[in-house]
Protein backbone atom coordinates (compact mmCIF):
# COMPACT_ATOMS: atom_id res chain seq x y z
CA UNK A 1 40.08 70.10 86.94
CA UNK A 2 39.73 72.69 89.39
CA UNK A 3 42.90 72.40 91.63
CA UNK A 4 41.54 73.25 95.53
CA UNK A 5 44.38 71.85 97.32
CA UNK A 6 42.40 72.46 100.44
CA UNK A 7 40.35 69.33 99.45
CA UNK A 8 43.07 67.19 99.00
CA UNK A 9 43.34 65.07 102.16
CA UNK A 10 45.81 65.99 104.57
CA UNK A 11 48.51 63.18 104.49
CA UNK A 12 49.31 60.42 107.13
CA UNK A 13 52.90 62.46 108.72
CA UNK A 14 55.63 63.18 105.65
CA UNK A 15 55.46 59.73 103.14
CA UNK A 16 57.70 62.17 100.93
CA UNK A 17 60.53 60.14 104.47
CA UNK A 18 60.49 56.57 103.29
CA UNK A 19 61.58 56.67 99.79
CA UNK A 20 60.90 54.24 98.72
CA UNK A 21 56.88 54.29 99.01
CA UNK A 22 57.16 57.69 97.97
CA UNK A 23 58.89 56.89 94.83
CA UNK A 24 57.46 53.58 94.03
CA UNK A 25 53.51 55.19 94.30
CA UNK A 26 54.45 58.57 92.30
CA UNK A 27 56.12 55.19 89.97
CA UNK A 28 53.55 54.00 89.70
CA UNK A 29 50.95 56.55 89.44
CA UNK A 30 52.55 57.70 86.87
CA UNK A 31 52.72 54.04 84.91
CA UNK A 32 49.95 54.12 81.71
CA UNK A 33 51.86 57.49 80.24
CA UNK A 34 54.22 56.95 77.81
CA UNK A 35 57.35 59.27 77.55
CA UNK A 36 59.13 61.83 80.07
CA UNK A 37 56.80 62.42 82.61
CA UNK A 38 56.72 65.72 85.25
CA UNK A 39 54.56 65.56 87.77
CA UNK A 40 53.04 67.07 91.17
CA UNK A 41 51.87 65.03 94.33
CA UNK A 42 49.54 66.67 95.25
CA UNK A 43 49.85 66.21 99.24
CA UNK A 44 53.31 67.47 98.90
CA UNK A 45 52.45 70.62 97.34
CA UNK A 46 49.90 71.06 100.19
CA UNK A 47 52.20 70.65 102.41
CA UNK A 48 54.48 73.14 101.38
CA UNK A 49 52.01 75.79 100.39
CA UNK A 50 50.46 75.78 104.43
CA UNK A 51 53.48 75.58 105.82
CA UNK A 52 54.87 78.47 103.88
CA UNK A 53 52.23 79.91 105.92
CA UNK A 54 52.91 79.15 108.84
CA UNK A 55 56.55 80.35 107.96
CA UNK A 56 55.38 83.70 107.54
CA UNK A 57 53.83 84.13 111.05
CA UNK A 58 50.67 85.51 109.38
CA UNK A 59 52.78 88.39 107.24
CA UNK A 60 50.98 87.74 103.62
CA UNK A 61 52.82 85.93 101.35
CA UNK A 62 52.57 87.48 98.11
CA UNK A 63 53.08 84.73 95.07
CA UNK A 64 56.49 84.43 92.91
CA UNK A 65 55.25 84.11 89.10
CA UNK A 66 59.04 82.74 87.39
CA UNK A 67 58.93 79.46 90.44
CA UNK A 68 55.89 78.71 89.32
CA UNK A 69 54.79 78.86 85.84
CA UNK A 70 51.67 76.53 86.25
CA UNK A 71 48.66 79.24 86.10
CA UNK A 72 46.12 76.72 88.27
CA UNK A 73 49.17 76.13 90.79
CA UNK A 74 49.42 79.60 91.20
CA UNK A 75 45.42 79.99 91.95
CA UNK A 76 45.03 77.80 94.04
CA UNK A 77 47.73 79.11 96.37
CA UNK A 78 46.24 82.37 96.26
CA UNK A 79 43.04 80.60 96.94
CA UNK A 80 44.29 79.45 100.47
CA UNK A 81 44.03 82.11 103.31
CA UNK A 82 47.53 83.81 104.64
CA UNK A 83 48.65 84.38 100.64
CA UNK A 84 48.30 87.78 98.69
CA UNK A 85 48.74 88.51 94.93
CA UNK A 86 51.73 88.07 92.14
CA UNK A 87 54.91 88.52 92.02
CA UNK A 88 55.38 88.48 87.80
CA UNK A 89 58.57 88.08 85.77
CA UNK A 90 58.01 89.78 82.54
CA UNK A 91 55.83 92.93 81.55
CA UNK A 92 53.90 90.14 79.00
CA UNK A 93 53.59 87.70 81.86
CA UNK A 94 51.55 90.41 84.18
CA UNK A 95 49.37 91.57 80.81
CA UNK A 96 48.25 88.08 80.76
CA UNK A 97 47.95 87.19 84.72
CA UNK A 98 46.03 90.50 84.91
CA UNK A 99 42.91 89.24 82.30
CA UNK A 100 42.25 87.48 85.99
CA UNK A 101 44.37 89.29 88.64
CA UNK A 102 44.00 92.43 90.33
CA UNK A 103 46.76 92.68 91.69
CA UNK A 104 50.45 92.10 90.12
CA UNK A 105 53.10 93.71 90.54
CA UNK A 106 56.43 93.72 88.33
CA UNK A 107 59.49 91.98 90.39
CA UNK A 108 61.80 93.73 87.55
CA UNK A 109 62.02 96.69 84.98
CA UNK A 110 60.86 96.66 81.87
CA UNK A 111 62.04 98.00 78.58
CA UNK A 112 59.58 96.18 76.24
CA UNK A 113 58.66 98.83 74.87
CA UNK A 114 55.90 96.39 72.73
CA UNK A 115 54.02 95.27 76.16
CA UNK A 116 54.42 98.29 77.71
CA UNK A 117 51.91 99.87 75.00
CA UNK A 118 49.90 97.49 76.07
CA UNK A 119 49.90 98.18 79.32
CA UNK A 120 49.67 101.74 78.60
CA UNK A 121 46.42 101.79 76.57
CA UNK A 122 44.35 99.42 78.72
CA UNK A 123 43.74 101.19 81.59
CA UNK A 124 42.05 97.90 84.16
CA UNK A 125 45.01 96.48 83.15
CA UNK A 126 47.38 99.51 84.67
CA UNK A 127 45.25 99.48 87.93
CA UNK A 128 45.78 95.93 87.91
CA UNK A 129 50.11 96.09 87.60
CA UNK A 130 52.66 98.21 89.34
CA UNK A 131 55.98 98.32 87.73
CA UNK A 132 59.05 97.93 88.91
CA UNK A 133 62.12 100.11 88.84
CA UNK A 134 65.05 101.37 90.71
CA UNK A 135 66.34 104.24 87.81
CA UNK A 136 64.42 107.39 86.88
CA UNK A 137 65.74 106.60 82.98
CA UNK A 138 62.99 103.33 83.50
CA UNK A 139 61.02 105.96 83.71
CA UNK A 140 61.25 108.01 80.67
CA UNK A 141 61.33 104.93 78.81
CA UNK A 142 57.45 104.86 79.49
CA UNK A 143 57.36 108.31 79.33
CA UNK A 144 58.61 107.74 75.39
CA UNK A 145 56.44 105.33 74.92
CA UNK A 146 53.24 107.60 76.00
CA UNK A 147 53.47 110.53 77.41
CA UNK A 148 51.68 111.58 80.77
CA UNK A 149 48.11 113.04 79.88
CA UNK A 150 47.44 110.25 77.03
CA UNK A 151 47.51 107.33 79.04
CA UNK A 152 46.45 106.15 82.76
CA UNK A 153 48.66 107.12 85.72
CA UNK A 154 51.32 104.12 86.03
CA UNK A 155 51.47 102.30 89.15
CA UNK A 156 55.30 102.06 90.94
CA UNK A 157 57.23 100.26 93.01
CA UNK A 158 60.73 100.90 93.98
CA UNK A 159 63.32 97.70 94.29
CA UNK A 160 65.92 98.60 96.74
CA UNK A 161 69.04 96.52 97.37
CA UNK A 162 68.84 94.19 99.97
CA UNK A 163 72.81 92.89 99.65
CA UNK A 164 75.01 93.90 102.25
CA UNK A 165 78.09 95.74 101.43
CA UNK A 166 80.50 93.54 104.51
CA UNK A 167 83.67 95.76 105.63
CA UNK A 168 86.26 93.94 103.90
CA UNK A 169 84.55 91.75 102.18
CA UNK A 170 82.43 94.16 100.18
CA UNK A 171 79.46 93.28 97.98
CA UNK A 172 77.51 90.12 99.64
CA UNK A 173 74.16 89.83 97.81
CA UNK A 174 73.06 89.39 94.13
CA UNK A 175 73.78 92.24 91.97
CA UNK A 176 70.19 94.16 91.83
CA UNK A 177 69.41 98.02 92.14
CA UNK A 178 71.30 100.84 92.23
CA UNK A 179 70.04 102.81 95.50
CA UNK A 180 70.55 100.94 98.79
CA UNK A 181 71.26 103.27 101.33
CA UNK A 182 68.24 105.27 102.96
CA UNK A 183 68.99 108.86 101.40
CA UNK A 184 69.65 107.15 98.27
CA UNK A 185 65.81 105.68 98.23
CA UNK A 186 64.50 108.61 99.41
CA UNK A 187 66.08 110.89 96.87
CA UNK A 188 64.65 108.25 93.90
CA UNK A 189 61.21 108.25 95.62
CA UNK A 190 60.87 112.17 94.85
CA UNK A 191 61.83 111.97 92.32
CA UNK A 192 59.05 109.40 91.39
CA UNK A 193 56.49 111.64 93.00
CA UNK A 194 57.56 114.60 91.18
CA UNK A 195 56.73 112.98 88.16
CA UNK A 196 53.78 113.04 86.78
CA UNK A 197 52.02 110.33 85.64
CA UNK A 198 53.55 108.00 88.24
CA UNK A 199 52.41 106.82 91.46
CA UNK A 200 55.08 105.13 93.64
CA UNK A 201 52.95 102.88 95.53
CA UNK A 202 54.93 99.97 96.23
CA UNK A 203 58.27 98.95 97.90
CA UNK A 204 60.73 95.91 97.25
CA UNK A 205 63.74 94.82 99.01
CA UNK A 206 64.72 90.66 98.44
CA UNK A 207 67.98 89.43 100.98
CA UNK A 208 69.08 87.11 98.44
CA UNK A 209 72.20 85.65 100.73
CA UNK A 210 69.71 85.20 103.08
CA UNK A 211 66.92 83.59 101.51
CA UNK A 212 68.70 82.20 98.49
CA UNK A 213 72.03 81.24 100.24
CA UNK A 214 71.62 77.36 102.03
CA UNK A 215 72.93 76.87 104.88
CA UNK A 216 72.84 73.09 106.03
CA UNK A 217 74.89 71.47 102.82
CA UNK A 218 78.04 70.30 104.94
CA UNK A 219 80.36 72.75 103.28
CA UNK A 220 81.88 76.32 105.04
CA UNK A 221 78.04 76.47 106.80
CA UNK A 222 79.75 78.24 109.66
CA UNK A 223 80.61 81.15 107.57
CA UNK A 224 77.52 81.27 105.76
CA UNK A 225 75.98 81.32 108.88
CA UNK A 226 78.22 83.84 110.19
CA UNK A 227 77.44 85.70 107.45
CA UNK A 228 73.35 85.81 106.96
CA UNK A 229 73.38 86.47 110.38
CA UNK A 230 75.94 90.26 110.43
CA UNK A 231 73.38 90.73 106.95
CA UNK A 232 70.34 90.07 109.01
CA UNK A 233 71.09 92.41 111.89
CA UNK A 234 72.22 95.19 108.73
CA UNK A 235 69.77 94.60 106.50
CA UNK A 236 66.73 94.95 110.07
CA UNK A 237 68.24 98.15 110.61
CA UNK A 238 68.70 99.66 107.37
CA UNK A 239 65.09 98.68 105.32
CA UNK A 240 63.02 99.83 108.80
CA UNK A 241 65.24 103.36 107.32
CA UNK A 242 64.67 102.98 104.41
CA UNK A 243 60.87 103.24 104.59
CA UNK A 244 60.31 105.50 106.92
CA UNK A 245 62.65 107.41 103.67
CA UNK A 246 59.82 106.36 101.64
CA UNK A 247 57.05 107.23 103.59
CA UNK A 248 57.93 110.55 104.38
CA UNK A 249 57.68 110.89 100.53
CA UNK A 250 54.92 108.81 99.56
CA UNK A 251 51.67 106.93 101.16
CA UNK A 252 53.14 102.75 100.71
CA UNK A 253 51.05 100.36 99.96
CA UNK A 254 52.73 97.48 100.17
CA UNK A 255 57.02 96.75 101.54
CA UNK A 256 57.58 93.54 99.83
CA UNK A 257 60.97 91.02 101.56
CA UNK A 258 61.65 87.64 101.35
CA UNK A 259 61.87 84.79 99.74
CA UNK A 260 60.77 80.59 100.51
CA UNK A 261 64.76 80.39 102.59
CA UNK A 262 64.02 83.60 104.58
CA UNK A 263 60.28 83.48 105.44
CA UNK A 264 60.75 83.72 109.44
CA UNK A 265 63.13 86.66 108.94
CA UNK A 266 61.15 88.73 106.42
CA UNK A 267 58.28 88.22 108.28
CA UNK A 268 59.75 89.30 111.61
CA UNK A 269 60.76 92.42 110.36
CA UNK A 270 58.32 95.45 111.29
CA UNK A 271 58.49 96.95 108.13
CA UNK A 272 57.65 94.40 106.05
CA UNK A 273 53.69 94.97 105.35
CA UNK A 274 54.14 91.22 102.86
CA UNK A 275 56.63 88.72 102.52
CA UNK A 276 56.99 87.12 98.61
CA UNK A 277 57.63 82.51 98.35
CA UNK A 278 57.29 80.41 94.78
CA UNK A 279 60.35 78.65 94.98
CA UNK A 280 59.15 76.39 98.17
CA UNK A 281 55.26 75.50 97.06
CA UNK A 282 57.46 72.73 94.14
CA UNK A 283 60.03 73.01 96.23
CA UNK A 284 64.23 71.99 93.90
CA UNK A 285 66.58 70.40 95.15
CA UNK A 286 67.72 73.63 96.26
CA UNK A 287 66.12 73.70 99.01
CA UNK A 288 67.25 70.51 100.30
CA UNK A 289 69.93 72.69 102.10
CA UNK A 290 68.22 74.64 104.77
CA UNK A 291 67.84 74.29 108.38
CA UNK A 292 64.69 75.94 108.75
CA UNK A 293 62.88 73.88 107.34
CA UNK A 294 62.51 70.70 104.68
CA UNK A 295 60.47 70.99 101.80
CA UNK A 296 58.60 68.27 100.50
CA UNK A 297 59.80 66.99 97.05
CA UNK A 298 56.28 68.17 95.12
CA UNK A 299 57.54 68.60 91.95
CA UNK A 300 60.14 65.84 90.39
CA UNK A 301 60.57 64.32 86.81
CA UNK A 302 60.51 61.02 85.04
CA UNK A 303 62.74 59.68 82.38
CA UNK A 304 63.19 56.07 80.89
CA UNK A 305 65.47 53.71 80.59
CA UNK A 306 66.37 53.40 76.37
CA UNK A 307 69.85 51.25 77.07
CA UNK A 308 72.34 49.30 79.42
CA UNK A 309 75.75 50.51 77.03
CA UNK A 310 77.30 48.65 80.50
CA UNK A 311 76.20 46.28 83.60
CA UNK A 312 76.64 48.56 86.09
CA UNK A 313 75.43 51.67 84.21
CA UNK A 314 72.16 52.33 82.73
CA UNK A 315 71.17 55.24 80.21
CA UNK A 316 68.35 57.98 80.41
CA UNK A 317 66.69 59.45 77.45
CA UNK A 318 67.38 63.36 77.67
CA UNK A 319 67.90 64.49 81.30
CA UNK A 320 70.09 67.96 80.94
CA UNK A 321 67.43 70.49 81.95
CA UNK A 322 70.19 72.35 83.86
CA UNK A 323 68.83 75.67 86.10
CA UNK A 324 70.34 78.69 85.83
CA UNK A 325 73.29 80.16 88.15
CA UNK A 326 77.01 79.48 87.94
CA UNK A 327 77.30 76.48 86.28
CA UNK A 328 77.78 73.75 89.49
CA UNK A 329 76.93 70.46 89.97
CA UNK A 330 74.23 71.93 92.22
CA UNK A 331 72.31 73.59 89.02
CA UNK A 332 72.14 69.77 87.29
CA UNK A 333 68.87 67.71 87.74
CA UNK A 334 70.06 65.45 90.70
CA UNK A 335 68.59 62.00 90.66
CA UNK A 336 66.38 59.94 93.00
CA UNK A 337 65.47 57.14 92.45
CA UNK A 338 66.13 54.79 92.57
CA UNK A 339 68.68 55.76 95.27
CA UNK A 340 72.02 56.15 95.09
CA UNK A 341 72.41 56.52 90.77
CA UNK A 342 74.63 59.30 89.81
CA UNK A 343 75.94 61.19 86.98
CA UNK A 344 79.34 60.24 85.44
CA UNK A 345 81.71 63.33 85.72
CA UNK A 346 82.42 63.51 82.13
CA UNK A 347 79.37 63.37 80.85
CA UNK A 348 76.63 64.85 84.38
CA UNK A 349 73.33 65.43 82.17
CA UNK A 350 73.35 65.20 78.60
CA UNK A 351 71.07 66.78 75.92
CA UNK A 352 69.76 63.72 74.23
CA UNK A 353 71.15 61.08 77.55
CA UNK A 354 72.17 60.50 80.75
CA UNK A 355 74.27 57.92 81.62
CA UNK A 356 73.46 56.60 85.02
CA UNK A 357 76.08 54.06 87.21
CA UNK A 358 75.57 52.99 91.12
CA UNK A 359 74.52 50.35 92.16
CA UNK A 360 70.53 50.28 91.43
CA UNK A 361 72.13 51.03 87.09
CA UNK A 362 72.53 47.56 87.79
CA UNK A 363 69.26 46.40 88.04
CA UNK A 364 67.42 49.15 85.57
CA UNK A 365 66.06 47.52 83.03
CA UNK A 366 65.01 49.26 79.11
CA UNK A 367 61.97 50.72 80.03
CA UNK A 368 62.22 51.47 83.76
CA UNK A 369 61.88 54.64 84.94
CA UNK A 370 64.30 56.98 87.28
CA UNK A 371 63.01 60.15 88.72
CA UNK A 372 65.18 63.41 89.12
CA UNK A 373 64.31 66.77 91.10
CA UNK A 374 65.29 69.53 88.62
CA UNK A 375 67.51 72.35 90.74
CA UNK A 376 65.11 75.60 90.56
CA UNK A 377 61.39 75.24 90.36
CA UNK A 378 59.93 77.01 88.05
CA UNK A 379 62.38 76.33 85.39
CA UNK A 380 61.53 72.92 84.99
CA UNK A 381 58.18 73.85 83.43
CA UNK A 382 59.68 75.83 80.29
CA UNK A 383 60.65 72.30 79.45
CA UNK A 384 56.66 70.31 79.14
CA UNK A 385 53.37 71.76 78.61
CA UNK A 386 52.25 69.71 81.72
CA UNK A 387 52.65 68.51 85.01
CA UNK A 388 50.28 65.13 86.29
CA UNK A 389 48.95 65.97 89.14
CA UNK A 390 49.21 62.61 91.11
CA UNK A 391 47.72 61.30 94.99
CA UNK A 392 49.86 58.50 96.10
CA UNK A 393 49.89 55.86 93.73
CA UNK A 394 46.11 57.19 91.98
CA UNK A 395 47.05 59.89 88.86
CA UNK A 396 44.25 62.13 89.07
CA UNK A 397 45.05 65.41 86.17
CA UNK A 398 46.64 66.77 84.32
CA UNK A 399 47.76 71.11 84.60
CA UNK A 400 48.87 73.21 81.91
CA UNK A 401 52.38 74.71 82.17
CA UNK A 402 52.73 78.35 80.98
CA UNK A 403 54.39 76.48 77.83
CA UNK A 404 51.35 74.40 77.59
CA UNK A 405 48.90 77.21 77.14
CA UNK A 406 51.12 78.30 74.01
CA UNK A 407 53.37 80.78 76.45
CA UNK A 408 57.12 81.70 76.47
CA UNK A 409 57.93 84.86 78.08
CA UNK A 410 61.65 84.59 78.76
């Protein structure tokens, strides 16, 4: 099927806030399908896609493909007003997506020589894909694959560090780019434009300490909010100076920033020309802990009860679909329906089975289904070859993941 989000009827209110009705309907929709099932509720997906546009306040959204990994969902999002271009994860993925898309920015530097050789031998791909760099050594690697003059010009963007170097506290944020200060970024920009065979076209600054840090979890929220407030103030000033410095060197096509968790702030920064979002479309459970927005649980998976080791424990097959990041409980898939189910402290979610305890476990029987939500939105797609598409209690189709299309990038 061709997915058109605007053809999906707008739900009356927010049906996912009535957990019993919402998850019961999804259970009914997949009742005829055996085994583990991953599904996307189309009304929830529609709500999330349009809500992201509202939150971005007219600033175009570049879709982060790693947070989705389903081409049909990427295409459906990009068909909406307010979305423009893809932020890809790996160069092989970017080459694949660029077969049908003409604006693909690589979100991370690459050292994949085989993929670089493919890019540099294809003028159309080179015109559609922008590489991300933060070090001149990455340009050396490109030149080692194909010298300037023997290949088309390579589009590049600079990834500048958006973390906060806090007084006393030090580095707050993720460890990404080595260039942080305006002078450092300008020096790199001048180094790029002085090299034959490269065009500097963009700048990216991802503020993970704001976009990727929940501020409404009940634990340490006051400290998180203080940190984010100070970081926003510092970043808005520094990013403006960085954009001005790079603008003295090259005319930029785009300045990218933000993520699902920081759209309002990033869109308010006048130096930014586009935001990025992806996770907010499918809404893994890590996005439940934000004050600024409440995404709908669009993507979820259901596992079947296969045994009852005790009267108050129900065990489902599989479940150990742990998300990347620090080895915390927050990275485990979370049972969400029936309500009140908990994993066992000594087992958690397991590769072969997941025992669940709680009042609801007593009424579960062999063959019943338990719904889980994955912590990170896109990583669920690495576990399944397709998503079933549901609308209320109806199964309306399915769509392949990257894995279902025979692709496994990273």
